[in-house]
All heavy atoms as atom14 arrays in JSON, in Angstrom:
{
  "sequence": "TLILDLNRQWRGRGKWLLRALRQFNPAQANRLAAALHAANTGDT",
  "atom14_mask": [
    [1, 1, 1, 1, 1, 1, 1, 0, 0, 0, 0, 0, 0, 0],
    [1, 1, 1, 1, 1, 1, 1, 1, 0, 0, 0, 0, 0, 0],
    [1, 1, 1, 1, 1, 1, 1, 1, 0, 0, 0, 0, 0, 0],
    [1, 1, 1, 1, 1, 1, 1, 1, 0, 0, 0, 0, 0, 0],
    [1, 1, 1, 1, 1, 1, 1, 1, 0, 0, 0, 0, 0, 0],
    [1, 1, 1, 1, 1, 1, 1, 1, 0, 0, 0, 0, 0, 0],
    [1, 1, 1, 1, 1, 1, 1, 1, 0, 0, 0, 0, 0, 0],
    [1, 1, 1, 1, 1, 1, 1, 1, 1, 1, 1, 0, 0, 0],
    [1, 1, 1, 1, 1, 1, 1, 1, 1, 0, 0, 0, 0, 0],
    [1, 1, 1, 1, 1, 1, 1, 1, 1, 1, 1, 1, 1, 1],
    [1, 1, 1, 1, 1, 1, 1, 1, 1, 1, 1, 0, 0, 0],
    [1, 1, 1, 1, 0, 0, 0, 0, 0, 0, 0, 0, 0, 0],
    [1, 1, 1, 1, 1, 1, 1, 1, 1, 1, 1, 0, 0, 0],
    [1, 1, 1, 1, 0, 0, 0, 0, 0, 0, 0, 0, 0, 0],
    [1, 1, 1, 1, 1, 1, 1, 1, 1, 0, 0, 0, 0, 0],
    [1, 1, 1, 1, 1, 1, 1, 1, 1, 1, 1, 1, 1, 1],
    [1, 1, 1, 1, 1, 1, 1, 1, 0, 0, 0, 0, 0, 0],
    [1, 1, 1, 1, 1, 1, 1, 1, 0, 0, 0, 0, 0, 0],
    [1, 1, 1, 1, 1, 1, 1, 1, 1, 1, 1, 0, 0, 0],
    [1, 1, 1, 1, 1, 0, 0, 0, 0, 0, 0, 0, 0, 0],
    [1, 1, 1, 1, 1, 1, 1, 1, 0, 0, 0, 0, 0, 0],
    [1, 1, 1, 1, 1, 1, 1, 1, 1, 1, 1, 0, 0, 0],
    [1, 1, 1, 1, 1, 1, 1, 1, 1, 0, 0, 0, 0, 0],
    [1, 1, 1, 1, 1, 1, 1, 1, 1, 1, 1, 0, 0, 0],
    [1, 1, 1, 1, 1, 1, 1, 1, 0, 0, 0, 0, 0, 0],
    [1, 1, 1, 1, 1, 1, 1, 0, 0, 0, 0, 0, 0, 0],
    [1, 1, 1, 1, 1, 0, 0, 0, 0, 0, 0, 0, 0, 0],
    [1, 1, 1, 1, 1, 1, 1, 1, 1, 0, 0, 0, 0, 0],
    [1, 1, 1, 1, 1, 0, 0, 0, 0, 0, 0, 0, 0, 0],
    [1, 1, 1, 1, 1, 1, 1, 1, 0, 0, 0, 0, 0, 0],
    [1, 1, 1, 1, 1, 1, 1, 1, 1, 1, 1, 0, 0, 0],
    [1, 1, 1, 1, 1, 1, 1, 1, 0, 0, 0, 0, 0, 0],
    [1, 1, 1, 1, 1, 0, 0, 0, 0, 0, 0, 0, 0, 0],
    [1, 1, 1, 1, 1, 0, 0, 0, 0, 0, 0, 0, 0, 0],
    [1, 1, 1, 1, 1, 0, 0, 0, 0, 0, 0, 0, 0, 0],
    [1, 1, 1, 1, 1, 1, 1, 1, 0, 0, 0, 0, 0, 0],
    [1, 1, 1, 1, 1, 1, 1, 1, 1, 1, 0, 0, 0, 0],
    [1, 1, 1, 1, 1, 0, 0, 0, 0, 0, 0, 0, 0, 0],
    [1, 1, 1, 1, 1, 0, 0, 0, 0, 0, 0, 0, 0, 0],
    [1, 1, 1, 1, 1, 1, 1, 1, 0, 0, 0, 0, 0, 0],
    [1, 1, 1, 1, 1, 1, 1, 0, 0, 0, 0, 0, 0, 0],
    [1, 1, 1, 1, 0, 0, 0, 0, 0, 0, 0, 0, 0, 0],
    [1, 1, 1, 1, 1, 1, 1, 1, 0, 0, 0, 0, 0, 0],
    [1, 1, 1, 1, 1, 1, 1, 0, 0, 0, 0, 0, 0, 0]
  ],
  "atom14_positions": [
    [[145.5, 48.24, 114.13], [144.78, 46.99, 114.33], [143.81, 47.1, 115.5], [142.69, 46.58, 115.44], [145.77, 45.84, 114.55], [146.58, 45.68, 113.37], [145.05, 44.53, 114.83], [0.0, 0.0, 0.0], [0.0, 0.0, 0.0], [0.0, 0.0, 0.0], [0.0, 0.0, 0.0], [0.0, 0.0, 0.0], [0.0, 0.0, 0.0], [0.0, 0.0, 0.0]],
    [[144.22, 47.78, 116.55], [143.34, 47.96, 117.71], [142.09, 48.73, 117.3], [140.96, 48.36, 117.69], [144.08, 48.69, 118.82], [143.28, 49.03, 120.08], [142.67, 47.78, 120.7], [144.16, 49.76, 121.09], [0.0, 0.0, 0.0], [0.0, 0.0, 0.0], [0.0, 0.0, 0.0], [0.0, 0.0, 0.0], [0.0, 0.0, 0.0], [0.0, 0.0, 0.0]],
    [[142.24, 49.78, 116.53], [141.08, 50.55, 116.07], [140.14, 49.67, 115.25], [138.91, 49.68, 115.44], [141.53, 51.77, 115.25], [142.24, 52.78, 116.15], [140.34, 52.43, 114.55], [142.89, 53.92, 115.38], [0.0, 0.0, 0.0], [0.0, 0.0, 0.0], [0.0, 0.0, 0.0], [0.0, 0.0, 0.0], [0.0, 0.0, 0.0], [0.0, 0.0, 0.0]],
    [[140.69, 48.89, 114.34], [139.87, 48.0, 113.51], [139.17, 46.95, 114.35], [137.97, 46.69, 114.17], [140.73, 47.34, 112.44], [141.31, 48.27, 111.37], [142.35, 47.55, 110.53], [140.19, 48.84, 110.48], [0.0, 0.0, 0.0], [0.0, 0.0, 0.0], [0.0, 0.0, 0.0], [0.0, 0.0, 0.0], [0.0, 0.0, 0.0], [0.0, 0.0, 0.0]],
    [[139.9, 46.35, 115.28], [139.31, 45.31, 116.12], [138.17, 45.85, 116.98], [137.13, 45.2, 117.14], [140.37, 44.69, 117.04], [141.34, 43.79, 116.29], [141.07, 43.45, 115.12], [142.38, 43.43, 116.88], [0.0, 0.0, 0.0], [0.0, 0.0, 0.0], [0.0, 0.0, 0.0], [0.0, 0.0, 0.0], [0.0, 0.0, 0.0], [0.0, 0.0, 0.0]],
    [[138.37, 47.03, 117.54], [137.33, 47.6, 118.4], [136.05, 47.87, 117.62], [134.95, 47.81, 118.19], [137.83, 48.92, 119.01], [138.89, 48.79, 120.11], [139.45, 50.16, 120.44], [138.33, 48.11, 121.34], [0.0, 0.0, 0.0], [0.0, 0.0, 0.0], [0.0, 0.0, 0.0], [0.0, 0.0, 0.0], [0.0, 0.0, 0.0], [0.0, 0.0, 0.0]],
    [[136.19, 48.13, 116.34], [135.03, 48.45, 115.51], [134.58, 47.27, 114.65], [133.78, 47.44, 113.73], [135.35, 49.65, 114.62], [135.44, 50.94, 115.41], [134.43, 51.55, 115.75], [136.67, 51.35, 115.73], [0.0, 0.0, 0.0], [0.0, 0.0, 0.0], [0.0, 0.0, 0.0], [0.0, 0.0, 0.0], [0.0, 0.0, 0.0], [0.0, 0.0, 0.0]],
    [[135.1, 46.07, 114.98], [134.75, 44.83, 114.27], [134.91, 44.98, 112.77], [134.04, 44.64, 111.98], [133.34, 44.38, 114.65], [133.18, 43.97, 116.1], [131.86, 43.28, 116.35], [131.77, 42.05, 115.57], [130.64, 41.33, 115.46], [129.55, 41.72, 116.08], [130.62, 40.23, 114.73], [0.0, 0.0, 0.0], [0.0, 0.0, 0.0], [0.0, 0.0, 0.0]],
    [[136.08, 45.5, 112.41], [136.48, 45.61, 111.01], [137.57, 44.58, 110.73], [138.37, 44.26, 111.61], [137.01, 47.02, 110.72], [136.02, 48.13, 110.98], [134.82, 48.07, 110.06], [134.97, 47.98, 108.84], [133.63, 48.12, 110.63], [0.0, 0.0, 0.0], [0.0, 0.0, 0.0], [0.0, 0.0, 0.0], [0.0, 0.0, 0.0], [0.0, 0.0, 0.0]],
    [[137.61, 44.09, 109.51], [138.64, 43.12, 109.16], [140.01, 43.76, 109.18], [140.18, 44.9, 108.76], [138.36, 42.52, 107.78], [137.1, 41.71, 107.73], [135.95, 42.04, 107.11], [136.88, 40.43, 108.35], [135.01, 41.06, 107.29], [135.55, 40.06, 108.04], [137.67, 39.58, 109.12], [135.0, 38.85, 108.48], [137.12, 38.39, 109.57], [135.8, 38.03, 109.24]],
    [[140.99, 43.0, 109.66], [142.37, 43.47, 109.71], [143.05, 43.31, 108.35], [142.52, 42.71, 107.42], [143.18, 42.64, 110.71], [142.77, 42.72, 112.15], [143.65, 41.77, 112.96], [143.32, 41.77, 114.38], [143.93, 41.0, 115.27], [144.89, 40.17, 114.87], [143.58, 41.06, 116.54], [0.0, 0.0, 0.0], [0.0, 0.0, 0.0], [0.0, 0.0, 0.0]],
    [[144.28, 43.81, 108.29], [145.14, 43.58, 107.14], [146.58, 43.54, 107.6], [146.88, 43.8, 108.77], [0.0, 0.0, 0.0], [0.0, 0.0, 0.0], [0.0, 0.0, 0.0], [0.0, 0.0, 0.0], [0.0, 0.0, 0.0], [0.0, 0.0, 0.0], [0.0, 0.0, 0.0], [0.0, 0.0, 0.0], [0.0, 0.0, 0.0], [0.0, 0.0, 0.0]],
    [[147.47, 43.23, 106.68], [148.89, 43.21, 106.98], [149.61, 43.98, 105.88], [149.26, 43.88, 104.71], [149.4, 41.76, 107.04], [150.86, 41.62, 107.46], [151.19, 40.17, 107.75], [150.81, 39.3, 106.65], [150.4, 38.05, 106.79], [150.28, 37.53, 108.0], [150.09, 37.32, 105.74], [0.0, 0.0, 0.0], [0.0, 0.0, 0.0], [0.0, 0.0, 0.0]],
    [[150.62, 44.77, 106.27], [151.33, 45.57, 105.29], [150.4, 46.6, 104.67], [149.64, 47.29, 105.36], [0.0, 0.0, 0.0], [0.0, 0.0, 0.0], [0.0, 0.0, 0.0], [0.0, 0.0, 0.0], [0.0, 0.0, 0.0], [0.0, 0.0, 0.0], [0.0, 0.0, 0.0], [0.0, 0.0, 0.0], [0.0, 0.0, 0.0], [0.0, 0.0, 0.0]],
    [[150.41, 46.66, 103.34], [149.55, 47.63, 102.65], [148.07, 47.38, 102.91], [147.25, 48.32, 102.89], [149.83, 47.61, 101.15], [149.46, 46.3, 100.47], [149.85, 46.3, 99.0], [149.48, 44.99, 98.32], [149.93, 44.96, 96.9], [0.0, 0.0, 0.0], [0.0, 0.0, 0.0], [0.0, 0.0, 0.0], [0.0, 0.0, 0.0], [0.0, 0.0, 0.0]],
    [[147.73, 46.11, 103.2], [146.33, 45.8, 103.45], [145.83, 46.36, 104.77], [144.63, 46.58, 104.94], [146.11, 44.29, 103.39], [146.11, 43.79, 101.98], [147.11, 43.14, 101.33], [145.04, 43.94, 101.04], [146.73, 42.88, 100.03], [145.47, 43.35, 99.83], [143.77, 44.51, 101.1], [144.67, 43.33, 98.7], [142.97, 44.48, 99.97], [143.42, 43.89, 98.79]],
    [[146.73, 46.6, 105.71], [146.32, 47.23, 106.96], [145.87, 48.67, 106.7], [144.81, 49.1, 107.17], [147.46, 47.21, 107.97], [147.19, 47.95, 109.3], [146.0, 47.34, 110.02], [148.42, 47.92, 110.19], [0.0, 0.0, 0.0], [0.0, 0.0, 0.0], [0.0, 0.0, 0.0], [0.0, 0.0, 0.0], [0.0, 0.0, 0.0], [0.0, 0.0, 0.0]],
    [[146.67, 49.42, 105.95], [146.29, 50.79, 105.65], [145.01, 50.82, 104.82], [144.14, 51.67, 105.02], [147.42, 51.51, 104.91], [147.19, 52.99, 104.64], [147.05, 53.77, 105.94], [148.33, 53.57, 103.79], [0.0, 0.0, 0.0], [0.0, 0.0, 0.0], [0.0, 0.0, 0.0], [0.0, 0.0, 0.0], [0.0, 0.0, 0.0], [0.0, 0.0, 0.0]],
    [[144.87, 49.89, 103.88], [143.66, 49.84, 103.06], [142.43, 49.54, 103.92], [141.36, 50.11, 103.7], [143.81, 48.8, 101.96], [144.81, 49.19, 100.89], [145.0, 48.09, 99.86], [145.97, 48.47, 98.85], [146.33, 47.7, 97.82], [145.78, 46.5, 97.68], [147.22, 48.12, 96.94], [0.0, 0.0, 0.0], [0.0, 0.0, 0.0], [0.0, 0.0, 0.0]],
    [[142.58, 48.62, 104.88], [141.46, 48.29, 105.75], [141.05, 49.51, 106.59], [139.86, 49.8, 106.75], [141.83, 47.12, 106.66], [0.0, 0.0, 0.0], [0.0, 0.0, 0.0], [0.0, 0.0, 0.0], [0.0, 0.0, 0.0], [0.0, 0.0, 0.0], [0.0, 0.0, 0.0], [0.0, 0.0, 0.0], [0.0, 0.0, 0.0], [0.0, 0.0, 0.0]],
    [[142.05, 50.21, 107.12], [141.74, 51.4, 107.92], [141.14, 52.49, 107.04], [140.21, 53.18, 107.45], [143.01, 51.9, 108.6], [142.83, 53.07, 109.59], [141.88, 52.69, 110.72], [144.18, 53.51, 110.15], [0.0, 0.0, 0.0], [0.0, 0.0, 0.0], [0.0, 0.0, 0.0], [0.0, 0.0, 0.0], [0.0, 0.0, 0.0], [0.0, 0.0, 0.0]],
    [[141.64, 52.63, 105.82], [141.11, 53.65, 104.91], [139.67, 53.35, 104.53], [138.84, 54.26, 104.41], [141.99, 53.76, 103.67], [141.5, 54.81, 102.67], [142.56, 55.14, 101.64], [143.62, 55.96, 102.22], [144.91, 55.7, 102.14], [145.34, 54.61, 101.52], [145.8, 56.5, 102.69], [0.0, 0.0, 0.0], [0.0, 0.0, 0.0], [0.0, 0.0, 0.0]],
    [[139.34, 52.08, 104.35], [137.97, 51.72, 104.03], [137.03, 52.06, 105.19], [135.9, 52.51, 104.98], [137.87, 50.24, 103.69], [136.48, 49.79, 103.27], [136.44, 48.34, 102.84], [137.4, 47.59, 103.04], [135.34, 47.92, 102.26], [0.0, 0.0, 0.0], [0.0, 0.0, 0.0], [0.0, 0.0, 0.0], [0.0, 0.0, 0.0], [0.0, 0.0, 0.0]],
    [[137.52, 51.84, 106.42], [136.7, 52.13, 107.59], [136.64, 53.61, 107.9], [135.57, 54.16, 108.18], [137.25, 51.36, 108.8], [136.64, 51.77, 110.1], [135.29, 51.59, 110.33], [137.43, 52.34, 111.1], [134.73, 51.98, 111.55], [136.87, 52.73, 112.31], [135.51, 52.55, 112.53], [0.0, 0.0, 0.0], [0.0, 0.0, 0.0], [0.0, 0.0, 0.0]],
    [[137.81, 54.27, 107.89], [137.88, 55.67, 108.29], [139.01, 56.35, 107.52], [140.16, 56.31, 107.95], [138.12, 55.78, 109.8], [137.99, 57.19, 110.33], [138.4, 58.14, 109.69], [137.42, 57.33, 111.52], [0.0, 0.0, 0.0], [0.0, 0.0, 0.0], [0.0, 0.0, 0.0], [0.0, 0.0, 0.0], [0.0, 0.0, 0.0], [0.0, 0.0, 0.0]],
    [[138.72, 56.95, 106.37], [139.78, 57.55, 105.55], [140.6, 58.59, 106.29], [141.82, 58.68, 106.1], [139.01, 58.17, 104.38], [137.73, 57.39, 104.31], [137.4, 57.03, 105.72], [0.0, 0.0, 0.0], [0.0, 0.0, 0.0], [0.0, 0.0, 0.0], [0.0, 0.0, 0.0], [0.0, 0.0, 0.0], [0.0, 0.0, 0.0], [0.0, 0.0, 0.0]],
    [[139.98, 59.38, 107.15], [140.72, 60.42, 107.87], [141.74, 59.79, 108.81], [142.88, 60.28, 108.92], [139.74, 61.31, 108.65], [0.0, 0.0, 0.0], [0.0, 0.0, 0.0], [0.0, 0.0, 0.0], [0.0, 0.0, 0.0], [0.0, 0.0, 0.0], [0.0, 0.0, 0.0], [0.0, 0.0, 0.0], [0.0, 0.0, 0.0], [0.0, 0.0, 0.0]],
    [[141.35, 58.72, 109.5], [142.29, 58.05, 110.38], [143.45, 57.43, 109.6], [144.6, 57.44, 110.03], [141.57, 56.95, 111.18], [140.67, 57.45, 112.29], [141.47, 57.82, 113.54], [142.41, 58.61, 113.48], [141.09, 57.24, 114.68], [0.0, 0.0, 0.0], [0.0, 0.0, 0.0], [0.0, 0.0, 0.0], [0.0, 0.0, 0.0], [0.0, 0.0, 0.0]],
    [[143.14, 56.87, 108.44], [144.19, 56.28, 107.61], [145.19, 57.34, 107.16], [146.41, 57.13, 107.19], [143.57, 55.56, 106.41], [0.0, 0.0, 0.0], [0.0, 0.0, 0.0], [0.0, 0.0, 0.0], [0.0, 0.0, 0.0], [0.0, 0.0, 0.0], [0.0, 0.0, 0.0], [0.0, 0.0, 0.0], [0.0, 0.0, 0.0], [0.0, 0.0, 0.0]],
    [[144.69, 58.47, 106.72], [145.58, 59.56, 106.3], [146.42, 60.07, 107.46], [147.6, 60.38, 107.31], [144.76, 60.7, 105.69], [144.11, 60.31, 104.37], [144.57, 59.38, 103.7], [143.05, 61.0, 104.0], [0.0, 0.0, 0.0], [0.0, 0.0, 0.0], [0.0, 0.0, 0.0], [0.0, 0.0, 0.0], [0.0, 0.0, 0.0], [0.0, 0.0, 0.0]],
    [[145.77, 60.15, 108.62], [146.51, 60.6, 109.82], [147.63, 59.62, 110.16], [148.75, 60.03, 110.47], [145.53, 60.73, 110.98], [146.18, 61.22, 112.27], [145.2, 61.17, 113.43], [145.88, 61.5, 114.69], [145.36, 61.27, 115.89], [144.16, 60.71, 116.0], [146.04, 61.58, 116.98], [0.0, 0.0, 0.0], [0.0, 0.0, 0.0], [0.0, 0.0, 0.0]],
    [[147.33, 58.33, 110.1], [148.35, 57.32, 110.42], [149.49, 57.36, 109.42], [150.67, 57.3, 109.8], [147.72, 55.93, 110.45], [148.7, 54.78, 110.67], [149.43, 54.93, 112.0], [147.98, 53.43, 110.6], [0.0, 0.0, 0.0], [0.0, 0.0, 0.0], [0.0, 0.0, 0.0], [0.0, 0.0, 0.0], [0.0, 0.0, 0.0], [0.0, 0.0, 0.0]],
    [[149.17, 57.45, 108.14], [150.23, 57.47, 107.12], [151.15, 58.66, 107.32], [152.38, 58.54, 107.23], [149.59, 57.49, 105.72], [0.0, 0.0, 0.0], [0.0, 0.0, 0.0], [0.0, 0.0, 0.0], [0.0, 0.0, 0.0], [0.0, 0.0, 0.0], [0.0, 0.0, 0.0], [0.0, 0.0, 0.0], [0.0, 0.0, 0.0], [0.0, 0.0, 0.0]],
    [[150.57, 59.82, 107.6], [151.39, 61.01, 107.83], [152.22, 60.88, 109.1], [153.39, 61.28, 109.14], [150.49, 62.25, 107.91], [0.0, 0.0, 0.0], [0.0, 0.0, 0.0], [0.0, 0.0, 0.0], [0.0, 0.0, 0.0], [0.0, 0.0, 0.0], [0.0, 0.0, 0.0], [0.0, 0.0, 0.0], [0.0, 0.0, 0.0], [0.0, 0.0, 0.0]],
    [[151.62, 60.3, 110.14], [152.34, 60.14, 111.41], [153.51, 59.18, 111.26], [154.59, 59.41, 111.81], [151.37, 59.65, 112.49], [0.0, 0.0, 0.0], [0.0, 0.0, 0.0], [0.0, 0.0, 0.0], [0.0, 0.0, 0.0], [0.0, 0.0, 0.0], [0.0, 0.0, 0.0], [0.0, 0.0, 0.0], [0.0, 0.0, 0.0], [0.0, 0.0, 0.0]],
    [[153.3, 58.1, 110.53], [154.39, 57.13, 110.35], [155.5, 57.72, 109.5], [156.69, 57.5, 109.78], [153.84, 55.85, 109.72], [154.83, 54.7, 109.57], [155.45, 54.33, 110.91], [154.15, 53.5, 108.94], [0.0, 0.0, 0.0], [0.0, 0.0, 0.0], [0.0, 0.0, 0.0], [0.0, 0.0, 0.0], [0.0, 0.0, 0.0], [0.0, 0.0, 0.0]],
    [[155.14, 58.49, 108.5], [156.16, 59.16, 107.68], [156.98, 60.11, 108.54], [158.22, 60.14, 108.45], [155.5, 59.92, 106.53], [156.47, 60.7, 105.71], [157.33, 60.11, 104.8], [156.73, 62.04, 105.67], [158.09, 61.04, 104.25], [157.73, 62.22, 104.74], [0.0, 0.0, 0.0], [0.0, 0.0, 0.0], [0.0, 0.0, 0.0], [0.0, 0.0, 0.0]],
    [[156.32, 60.89, 109.38], [157.04, 61.82, 110.26], [157.93, 61.06, 111.23], [159.07, 61.48, 111.51], [156.05, 62.7, 111.01], [0.0, 0.0, 0.0], [0.0, 0.0, 0.0], [0.0, 0.0, 0.0], [0.0, 0.0, 0.0], [0.0, 0.0, 0.0], [0.0, 0.0, 0.0], [0.0, 0.0, 0.0], [0.0, 0.0, 0.0], [0.0, 0.0, 0.0]],
    [[157.43, 59.95, 111.76], [158.23, 59.17, 112.71], [159.5, 58.64, 112.05], [160.56, 58.58, 112.68], [157.4, 58.01, 113.27], [0.0, 0.0, 0.0], [0.0, 0.0, 0.0], [0.0, 0.0, 0.0], [0.0, 0.0, 0.0], [0.0, 0.0, 0.0], [0.0, 0.0, 0.0], [0.0, 0.0, 0.0], [0.0, 0.0, 0.0], [0.0, 0.0, 0.0]],
    [[159.39, 58.27, 110.79], [160.56, 57.74, 110.09], [161.57, 58.83, 109.73], [162.67, 58.51, 109.27], [160.11, 56.98, 108.85], [159.48, 55.64, 109.2], [159.79, 55.05, 110.23], [158.57, 55.18, 108.36], [0.0, 0.0, 0.0], [0.0, 0.0, 0.0], [0.0, 0.0, 0.0], [0.0, 0.0, 0.0], [0.0, 0.0, 0.0], [0.0, 0.0, 0.0]],
    [[161.19, 60.08, 109.92], [162.15, 61.18, 109.75], [162.6, 61.73, 111.11], [163.3, 62.75, 111.16], [161.53, 62.32, 108.92], [160.4, 62.86, 109.61], [161.11, 61.82, 107.54], [0.0, 0.0, 0.0], [0.0, 0.0, 0.0], [0.0, 0.0, 0.0], [0.0, 0.0, 0.0], [0.0, 0.0, 0.0], [0.0, 0.0, 0.0], [0.0, 0.0, 0.0]],
    [[162.17, 61.06, 112.19], [162.64, 61.43, 113.51], [161.64, 62.12, 114.41], [161.91, 62.32, 115.6], [0.0, 0.0, 0.0], [0.0, 0.0, 0.0], [0.0, 0.0, 0.0], [0.0, 0.0, 0.0], [0.0, 0.0, 0.0], [0.0, 0.0, 0.0], [0.0, 0.0, 0.0], [0.0, 0.0, 0.0], [0.0, 0.0, 0.0], [0.0, 0.0, 0.0]],
    [[160.47, 62.48, 113.9], [159.46, 63.17, 114.7], [158.36, 62.17, 115.06], [157.49, 61.86, 114.24], [158.88, 64.35, 113.92], [157.86, 65.14, 114.72], [157.58, 64.75, 115.88], [157.32, 66.12, 114.17], [0.0, 0.0, 0.0], [0.0, 0.0, 0.0], [0.0, 0.0, 0.0], [0.0, 0.0, 0.0], [0.0, 0.0, 0.0], [0.0, 0.0, 0.0]],
    [[158.36, 61.67, 116.28], [157.43, 60.62, 116.68], [156.17, 61.14, 117.37], [155.31, 60.35, 117.76], [158.13, 59.63, 117.62], [158.56, 60.34, 118.81], [159.34, 58.98, 116.94], [0.0, 0.0, 0.0], [0.0, 0.0, 0.0], [0.0, 0.0, 0.0], [0.0, 0.0, 0.0], [0.0, 0.0, 0.0], [0.0, 0.0, 0.0], [0.0, 0.0, 0.0]]
  ]
}
């Protein structure tokens, strides 16, 4: 949300947050999805 706000992009909630980030910056969205998946397996 901070990244979106700084770039004056619309926010989202749940799946819409990832979609909003993907629309703005697909690489950042992919990075976040992978990072959250790793965090949920114990690697933060």
